[in-house]
PDB file of all heavy atoms in Angstrom:
ATOM      1  N   MET A   1     -14.141  -6.045   1.875  1.00  0.00           N
ATOM      2  CA  MET A   1     -13.725  -4.659   1.696  1.00  0.00           C
ATOM      3  C   MET A   1     -14.887  -3.814   2.187  1.00  0.00           C
ATOM      4  O   MET A   1     -15.890  -3.654   1.502  1.00  0.00           O
ATOM      5  CB  MET A   1     -13.413  -4.371   0.226  1.00  0.00           C
ATOM      6  CG  MET A   1     -13.037  -2.915  -0.046  1.00  0.00           C
ATOM      7  SD  MET A   1     -12.707  -2.588  -1.803  1.00  0.00           S
ATOM      8  CE  MET A   1     -11.153  -3.444  -2.014  1.00  0.00           C
ATOM      9  N   LEU A   2     -14.776  -3.301   3.415  1.00  0.00           N
ATOM     10  CA  LEU A   2     -15.879  -2.609   4.066  1.00  0.00           C
ATOM     11  C   LEU A   2     -15.855  -1.124   3.743  1.00  0.00           C
ATOM     12  O   LEU A   2     -14.839  -0.446   3.922  1.00  0.00           O
ATOM     13  CB  LEU A   2     -15.799  -2.814   5.577  1.00  0.00           C
ATOM     14  CG  LEU A   2     -15.854  -4.274   6.045  1.00  0.00           C
ATOM     15  CD1 LEU A   2     -15.621  -4.357   7.554  1.00  0.00           C
ATOM     16  CD2 LEU A   2     -17.178  -4.921   5.671  1.00  0.00           C
ATOM     17  N   LEU A   3     -16.997  -0.635   3.273  1.00  0.00           N
ATOM     18  CA  LEU A   3     -17.132   0.775   2.922  1.00  0.00           C
ATOM     19  C   LEU A   3     -18.433   1.310   3.506  1.00  0.00           C
ATOM     20  O   LEU A   3     -19.393   0.551   3.688  1.00  0.00           O
ATOM     21  CB  LEU A   3     -17.145   0.949   1.405  1.00  0.00           C
ATOM     22  CG  LEU A   3     -15.848   0.586   0.666  1.00  0.00           C
ATOM     23  CD1 LEU A   3     -16.101   0.528  -0.827  1.00  0.00           C
ATOM     24  CD2 LEU A   3     -14.771   1.601   0.982  1.00  0.00           C
ATOM     25  N   PRO A   4     -18.499   2.611   3.778  1.00  0.00           N
ATOM     26  CA  PRO A   4     -19.757   3.180   4.287  1.00  0.00           C
ATOM     27  C   PRO A   4     -20.883   3.001   3.272  1.00  0.00           C
ATOM     28  O   PRO A   4     -20.656   3.026   2.061  1.00  0.00           O
ATOM     29  CB  PRO A   4     -19.428   4.664   4.485  1.00  0.00           C
ATOM     30  CG  PRO A   4     -17.942   4.731   4.554  1.00  0.00           C
ATOM     31  CD  PRO A   4     -17.430   3.627   3.687  1.00  0.00           C
ATOM     32  N   LEU A   5     -22.088   2.836   3.765  1.00  0.00           N
ATOM     33  CA  LEU A   5     -23.246   2.668   2.889  1.00  0.00           C
ATOM     34  C   LEU A   5     -23.442   3.894   1.997  1.00  0.00           C
ATOM     35  O   LEU A   5     -23.962   3.788   0.886  1.00  0.00           O
ATOM     36  CB  LEU A   5     -24.488   2.421   3.749  1.00  0.00           C
ATOM     37  CG  LEU A   5     -25.706   1.784   3.098  1.00  0.00           C
ATOM     38  CD1 LEU A   5     -25.362   0.451   2.427  1.00  0.00           C
ATOM     39  CD2 LEU A   5     -26.818   1.586   4.120  1.00  0.00           C
ATOM     40  N   ASP A   6     -23.019   5.047   2.491  1.00  0.00           N
ATOM     41  CA  ASP A   6     -23.036   6.269   1.695  1.00  0.00           C
ATOM     42  C   ASP A   6     -21.587   6.728   1.523  1.00  0.00           C
ATOM     43  O   ASP A   6     -21.131   7.662   2.185  1.00  0.00           O
ATOM     44  CB  ASP A   6     -23.870   7.348   2.385  1.00  0.00           C
ATOM     45  CG  ASP A   6     -24.065   8.576   1.509  1.00  0.00           C
ATOM     46  OD1 ASP A   6     -23.807   8.482   0.287  1.00  0.00           O
ATOM     47  OD2 ASP A   6     -24.460   9.631   2.034  1.00  0.00           O
ATOM     48  N   PRO A   7     -20.840   6.076   0.650  1.00  0.00           N
ATOM     49  CA  PRO A   7     -19.398   6.319   0.559  1.00  0.00           C
ATOM     50  C   PRO A   7     -19.074   7.690  -0.021  1.00  0.00           C
ATOM     51  O   PRO A   7     -19.764   8.191  -0.909  1.00  0.00           O
ATOM     52  CB  PRO A   7     -18.909   5.199  -0.364  1.00  0.00           C
ATOM     53  CG  PRO A   7     -20.099   4.856  -1.197  1.00  0.00           C
ATOM     54  CD  PRO A   7     -21.298   5.071  -0.323  1.00  0.00           C
ATOM     55  N   ALA A   8     -18.006   8.283   0.497  1.00  0.00           N
ATOM     56  CA  ALA A   8     -17.505   9.535  -0.064  1.00  0.00           C
ATOM     57  C   ALA A   8     -16.809   9.242  -1.388  1.00  0.00           C
ATOM     58  O   ALA A   8     -16.458   8.104  -1.691  1.00  0.00           O
ATOM     59  CB  ALA A   8     -16.537  10.188   0.920  1.00  0.00           C
ATOM     60  N   SER A   9     -16.592  10.281  -2.178  1.00  0.00           N
ATOM     61  CA  SER A   9     -15.976  10.088  -3.500  1.00  0.00           C
ATOM     62  C   SER A   9     -14.589   9.471  -3.381  1.00  0.00           C
ATOM     63  O   SER A   9     -14.205   8.624  -4.198  1.00  0.00           O
ATOM     64  CB  SER A   9     -15.889  11.423  -4.239  1.00  0.00           C
ATOM     65  OG  SER A   9     -15.156  12.379  -3.473  1.00  0.00           O
ATOM     66  N   GLU A  10     -13.856   9.848  -2.303  1.00  0.00           N
ATOM     67  CA  GLU A  10     -12.525   9.256  -2.139  1.00  0.00           C
ATOM     68  C   GLU A  10     -12.600   7.769  -1.802  1.00  0.00           C
ATOM     69  O   GLU A  10     -11.711   6.984  -2.189  1.00  0.00           O
ATOM     70  CB  GLU A  10     -11.716  10.006  -1.071  1.00  0.00           C
ATOM     71  CG  GLU A  10     -12.410  10.178   0.265  1.00  0.00           C
ATOM     72  CD  GLU A  10     -13.155  11.490   0.372  1.00  0.00           C
ATOM     73  OE1 GLU A  10     -13.644  11.986  -0.663  1.00  0.00           O
ATOM     74  OE2 GLU A  10     -13.239  12.022   1.505  1.00  0.00           O
ATOM     75  N   ASP A  11     -13.672   7.364  -1.078  1.00  0.00           N
ATOM     76  CA  ASP A  11     -13.864   5.934  -0.804  1.00  0.00           C
ATOM     77  C   ASP A  11     -14.062   5.169  -2.106  1.00  0.00           C
ATOM     78  O   ASP A  11     -13.509   4.087  -2.299  1.00  0.00           O
ATOM     79  CB  ASP A  11     -15.078   5.721   0.094  1.00  0.00           C
ATOM     80  CG  ASP A  11     -14.897   6.298   1.489  1.00  0.00           C
ATOM     81  OD1 ASP A  11     -13.779   6.213   2.022  1.00  0.00           O
ATOM     82  OD2 ASP A  11     -15.886   6.814   2.041  1.00  0.00           O
ATOM     83  N   MET A  12     -14.863   5.741  -2.993  1.00  0.00           N
ATOM     84  CA  MET A  12     -15.113   5.089  -4.272  1.00  0.00           C
ATOM     85  C   MET A  12     -13.842   4.983  -5.103  1.00  0.00           C
ATOM     86  O   MET A  12     -13.562   3.939  -5.705  1.00  0.00           O
ATOM     87  CB  MET A  12     -16.185   5.865  -5.053  1.00  0.00           C
ATOM     88  CG  MET A  12     -17.560   5.874  -4.415  1.00  0.00           C
ATOM     89  SD  MET A  12     -18.779   6.593  -5.549  1.00  0.00           S
ATOM     90  CE  MET A  12     -20.168   6.845  -4.453  1.00  0.00           C
ATOM     91  N   GLU A  13     -13.092   6.053  -5.113  1.00  0.00           N
ATOM     92  CA  GLU A  13     -11.860   6.056  -5.906  1.00  0.00           C
ATOM     93  C   GLU A  13     -10.873   5.022  -5.402  1.00  0.00           C
ATOM     94  O   GLU A  13     -10.235   4.298  -6.190  1.00  0.00           O
ATOM     95  CB  GLU A  13     -11.231   7.455  -5.889  1.00  0.00           C
ATOM     96  CG  GLU A  13     -12.048   8.496  -6.651  1.00  0.00           C
ATOM     97  CD  GLU A  13     -11.532   9.905  -6.439  1.00  0.00           C
ATOM     98  OE1 GLU A  13     -10.471  10.048  -5.796  1.00  0.00           O
ATOM     99  OE2 GLU A  13     -12.177  10.861  -6.909  1.00  0.00           O
ATOM    100  N   GLU A  14     -10.738   4.917  -4.090  1.00  0.00           N
ATOM    101  CA  GLU A  14      -9.811   3.942  -3.514  1.00  0.00           C
ATOM    102  C   GLU A  14     -10.261   2.522  -3.825  1.00  0.00           C
ATOM    103  O   GLU A  14      -9.443   1.648  -4.137  1.00  0.00           O
ATOM    104  CB  GLU A  14      -9.709   4.150  -2.005  1.00  0.00           C
ATOM    105  CG  GLU A  14      -8.954   5.416  -1.607  1.00  0.00           C
ATOM    106  CD  GLU A  14      -8.899   5.592  -0.098  1.00  0.00           C
ATOM    107  OE1 GLU A  14      -9.254   4.638   0.629  1.00  0.00           O
ATOM    108  OE2 GLU A  14      -8.511   6.681   0.351  1.00  0.00           O
ATOM    109  N   ALA A  15     -11.565   2.271  -3.729  1.00  0.00           N
ATOM    110  CA  ALA A  15     -12.081   0.928  -4.013  1.00  0.00           C
ATOM    111  C   ALA A  15     -11.855   0.570  -5.479  1.00  0.00           C
ATOM    112  O   ALA A  15     -11.421  -0.547  -5.795  1.00  0.00           O
ATOM    113  CB  ALA A  15     -13.566   0.853  -3.670  1.00  0.00           C
ATOM    114  N   CYS A  16     -12.135   1.495  -6.371  1.00  0.00           N
ATOM    115  CA  CYS A  16     -11.941   1.227  -7.800  1.00  0.00           C
ATOM    116  C   CYS A  16     -10.475   0.972  -8.127  1.00  0.00           C
ATOM    117  O   CYS A  16     -10.152   0.077  -8.927  1.00  0.00           O
ATOM    118  CB  CYS A  16     -12.483   2.392  -8.624  1.00  0.00           C
ATOM    119  SG  CYS A  16     -14.283   2.536  -8.617  1.00  0.00           S
ATOM    120  N   ALA A  17      -9.595   1.729  -7.494  1.00  0.00           N
ATOM    121  CA  ALA A  17      -8.167   1.540  -7.741  1.00  0.00           C
ATOM    122  C   ALA A  17      -7.703   0.183  -7.224  1.00  0.00           C
ATOM    123  O   ALA A  17      -6.934  -0.531  -7.885  1.00  0.00           O
ATOM    124  CB  ALA A  17      -7.372   2.663  -7.074  1.00  0.00           C
ATOM    125  N   ALA A  18      -8.173  -0.205  -6.047  1.00  0.00           N
ATOM    126  CA  ALA A  18      -7.759  -1.473  -5.456  1.00  0.00           C
ATOM    127  C   ALA A  18      -8.271  -2.665  -6.254  1.00  0.00           C
ATOM    128  O   ALA A  18      -7.638  -3.729  -6.268  1.00  0.00           O
ATOM    129  CB  ALA A  18      -8.260  -1.560  -4.019  1.00  0.00           C
ATOM    130  N   LEU A  19      -9.399  -2.487  -6.933  1.00  0.00           N
ATOM    131  CA  LEU A  19     -10.012  -3.598  -7.656  1.00  0.00           C
ATOM    132  C   LEU A  19      -9.818  -3.489  -9.168  1.00  0.00           C
ATOM    133  O   LEU A  19     -10.409  -4.251  -9.928  1.00  0.00           O
ATOM    134  CB  LEU A  19     -11.515  -3.638  -7.350  1.00  0.00           C
ATOM    135  CG  LEU A  19     -11.887  -3.871  -5.875  1.00  0.00           C
ATOM    136  CD1 LEU A  19     -13.388  -3.668  -5.670  1.00  0.00           C
ATOM    137  CD2 LEU A  19     -11.474  -5.268  -5.429  1.00  0.00           C
ATOM    138  N   GLU A  20      -8.961  -2.588  -9.591  1.00  0.00           N
ATOM    139  CA  GLU A  20      -8.824  -2.298 -11.020  1.00  0.00           C
ATOM    140  C   GLU A  20      -8.462  -3.532 -11.831  1.00  0.00           C
ATOM    141  O   GLU A  20      -8.947  -3.726 -12.956  1.00  0.00           O
ATOM    142  CB  GLU A  20      -7.755  -1.221 -11.220  1.00  0.00           C
ATOM    143  CG  GLU A  20      -7.610  -0.780 -12.665  1.00  0.00           C
ATOM    144  CD  GLU A  20      -6.607   0.348 -12.823  1.00  0.00           C
ATOM    145  OE1 GLU A  20      -5.985   0.730 -11.803  1.00  0.00           O
ATOM    146  OE2 GLU A  20      -6.442   0.835 -13.950  1.00  0.00           O
ATOM    147  N   GLU A  21      -7.629  -4.400 -11.278  1.00  0.00           N
ATOM    148  CA  GLU A  21      -7.160  -5.566 -12.027  1.00  0.00           C
ATOM    149  C   GLU A  21      -8.064  -6.785 -11.877  1.00  0.00           C
ATOM    150  O   GLU A  21      -7.805  -7.822 -12.488  1.00  0.00           O
ATOM    151  CB  GLU A  21      -5.732  -5.934 -11.568  1.00  0.00           C
ATOM    152  CG  GLU A  21      -4.716  -4.816 -11.736  1.00  0.00           C
ATOM    153  CD  GLU A  21      -4.602  -4.380 -13.187  1.00  0.00           C
ATOM    154  OE1 GLU A  21      -4.643  -5.268 -14.071  1.00  0.00           O
ATOM    155  OE2 GLU A  21      -4.492  -3.163 -13.440  1.00  0.00           O
ATOM    156  N   ARG A  22      -9.093  -6.652 -11.082  1.00  0.00           N
ATOM    157  CA  ARG A  22      -9.965  -7.806 -10.861  1.00  0.00           C
ATOM    158  C   ARG A  22     -10.914  -7.992 -12.039  1.00  0.00           C
ATOM    159  O   ARG A  22     -11.574  -7.053 -12.487  1.00  0.00           O
ATOM    160  CB  ARG A  22     -10.790  -7.628  -9.581  1.00  0.00           C
ATOM    161  CG  ARG A  22      -9.978  -7.459  -8.320  1.00  0.00           C
ATOM    162  CD  ARG A  22      -9.161  -8.669  -7.958  1.00  0.00           C
ATOM    163  NE  ARG A  22      -9.969  -9.888  -7.831  1.00  0.00           N
ATOM    164  CZ  ARG A  22      -9.518 -11.013  -7.263  1.00  0.00           C
ATOM    165  NH1 ARG A  22      -8.268 -11.061  -6.783  1.00  0.00           N
ATOM    166  NH2 ARG A  22     -10.282 -12.069  -7.193  1.00  0.00           N
ATOM    167  N   GLU A  23     -10.995  -9.242 -12.532  1.00  0.00           N
ATOM    168  CA  GLU A  23     -11.890  -9.527 -13.649  1.00  0.00           C
ATOM    169  C   GLU A  23     -13.341  -9.661 -13.193  1.00  0.00           C
ATOM    170  O   GLU A  23     -14.270  -9.403 -13.968  1.00  0.00           O
ATOM    171  CB  GLU A  23     -11.437 -10.804 -14.351  1.00  0.00           C
ATOM    172  CG  GLU A  23     -10.058 -10.658 -14.995  1.00  0.00           C
ATOM    173  CD  GLU A  23      -9.510 -11.985 -15.485  1.00  0.00           C
ATOM    174  OE1 GLU A  23     -10.060 -13.031 -15.063  1.00  0.00           O
ATOM    175  OE2 GLU A  23      -8.553 -11.973 -16.268  1.00  0.00           O
ATOM    176  N   THR A  24     -13.501 -10.113 -11.952  1.00  0.00           N
ATOM    177  CA  THR A  24     -14.840 -10.250 -11.381  1.00  0.00           C
ATOM    178  C   THR A  24     -14.840  -9.654  -9.991  1.00  0.00           C
ATOM    179  O   THR A  24     -13.894  -9.862  -9.219  1.00  0.00           O
ATOM    180  CB  THR A  24     -15.267 -11.732 -11.297  1.00  0.00           C
ATOM    181  OG1 THR A  24     -15.199 -12.319 -12.593  1.00  0.00           O
ATOM    182  CG2 THR A  24     -16.680 -11.857 -10.744  1.00  0.00           C
ATOM    183  N   VAL A  25     -15.869  -8.922  -9.658  1.00  0.00           N
ATOM    184  CA  VAL A  25     -15.994  -8.291  -8.343  1.00  0.00           C
ATOM    185  C   VAL A  25     -17.294  -8.750  -7.699  1.00  0.00           C
ATOM    186  O   VAL A  25     -18.360  -8.690  -8.332  1.00  0.00           O
ATOM    187  CB  VAL A  25     -15.981  -6.751  -8.457  1.00  0.00           C
ATOM    188  CG1 VAL A  25     -16.230  -6.111  -7.100  1.00  0.00           C
ATOM    189  CG2 VAL A  25     -14.655  -6.280  -9.047  1.00  0.00           C
ATOM    190  N   PHE A  26     -17.199  -9.215  -6.467  1.00  0.00           N
ATOM    191  CA  PHE A  26     -18.392  -9.567  -5.692  1.00  0.00           C
ATOM    192  C   PHE A  26     -18.744  -8.400  -4.772  1.00  0.00           C
ATOM    193  O   PHE A  26     -17.864  -7.757  -4.196  1.00  0.00           O
ATOM    194  CB  PHE A  26     -18.134 -10.814  -4.836  1.00  0.00           C
ATOM    195  CG  PHE A  26     -18.161 -12.100  -5.612  1.00  0.00           C
ATOM    196  CD1 PHE A  26     -17.054 -12.495  -6.371  1.00  0.00           C
ATOM    197  CD2 PHE A  26     -19.278 -12.918  -5.595  1.00  0.00           C
ATOM    198  CE1 PHE A  26     -17.063 -13.682  -7.088  1.00  0.00           C
ATOM    199  CE2 PHE A  26     -19.305 -14.105  -6.310  1.00  0.00           C
ATOM    200  CZ  PHE A  26     -18.189 -14.488  -7.063  1.00  0.00           C
TER     201      PHE A  26
END
């Protein structure tokens, strides 16, 4: 899951939503 090194707030929100159900995140 590739994101900018300096992610915008919307990038963070999308990543958190996509990984919400994950018990472990790498």
